[in-house]
Amino acid sequence: MYKHLIRPILFLFNPEKVHNFTMWVLRFYQTIRIFNPIFRLLYQVKDKKFEREVFGIKFPNPIGLAAGLDKDGEAIDMLGMLGFGFVEVGTVTPKPQPGNPKPRLFRLKRNQGLINRMGFNNNGVEELVKKLRQKYTSVVVGGNIGKNKITPNEDAVSDYIKDFQALHDYVDYIAINISSPNTPNLRELQNKEPLKQLLTALKNEDKKFEKSKPILLKIAPDLTDSQLDDIVEIVSEVGIDGIIATNTTISREGIDYSKEEIESFGAGGMSGKPLKKRSTEVIRYLHSKLGEKTPIIGVGGISNAEDVREKLEAGASLVEIFTSFIYNGPATVKKILKRL
């Protein structure tokens, strides 16, 4: 029904407007709790064989929602009822910011992909904390944090620490986003020295809390093997709990569009099926270096059960989806788990 009736109608409209409408619908049903059992019955698949413990957290199934869809934590409980094993909110920044100028979200229908240059648009970490305090289900939540656009890289650590302090007691793990291509110069933080400084500061900050929280690093798919080796070295040395591989790509390889069409989309990160191969390559490379001691969440181009198996066999312990949820609809997780 979704693919043949609802999606064709939604895809007639501007992608960002459809996203905002979808979030409104999710918020609406989340507030009317009488519907909660119905959504659980329709979309959740509960089976002990899907449960797994990673980073010391018990996940009901290995399929999570990647950061970016629910930046401000508006529909966490509802997304959990749609079957996700965990929901990653954000990317959030210390201060609210509008993001980049519109239009900034584009569909690649022929390849089931997206290009976005949203630019960390969010209501700020204080507003996210308010939403997290209102959460009423037990869904596992990760908090994805970044820096404000106006904050220079030399002051980036301060922004990440502010986010970290605010979210620490309200999420199950914290993901450090230094790999979005849509905030100027952000990816420079993936370089060896700034990355080591940032991760060390956050690990030290974590020690100030009574209960430690897993810290994960989200990396770009566009890194060279040499850069990945630097990340492996730093992650091992600092003791980071895990890696999320990967964010969106600045590459435009693997899409069925002309040069002129690609240029018309402009800058931004590409997600969805075109990212699948590179994401898996990065996961496999990192796993070959890190082994089982540093778990990996695999992200990029996951549309079905076969894609999940591919990521897990490459070395991922968990996976996240984003673009396929938009293309395949609310039953996406249920269908994948049933096939698994």
Foldseek 3Di string as FASTA:
>chain_A
DCQPPVLVVLVVDQPVVSLVVVLVVLLVCQVVCVCLVVLLVVAADADCVQWDAAPNDIFRHQEEADEDSAQQLRRQQSLVSLHHSAYEHHQAWAAADQFDDPPAKDAQVVFLKIFGLRGRHDHHLVSSLVSLVVDDDPHAYEYEYFYHLPDDLVCGLVTRLSNCVSCVVRHQAYEYDQAFPNRPPSVVCLDQPNVLVNLLSSVVSQVVDPDHHAYEYEHALPDDLVSLVSVLVSCVVSVHQAYEFYDFYQDPPDGDDDPVVVVVSPTGGMAAQVFLPSSLVSLLSSCVSNPPRHAYEGEGHDQALVSVVSSVVSGHPHYYYHSNCSNPHSNRNVRRVVVD
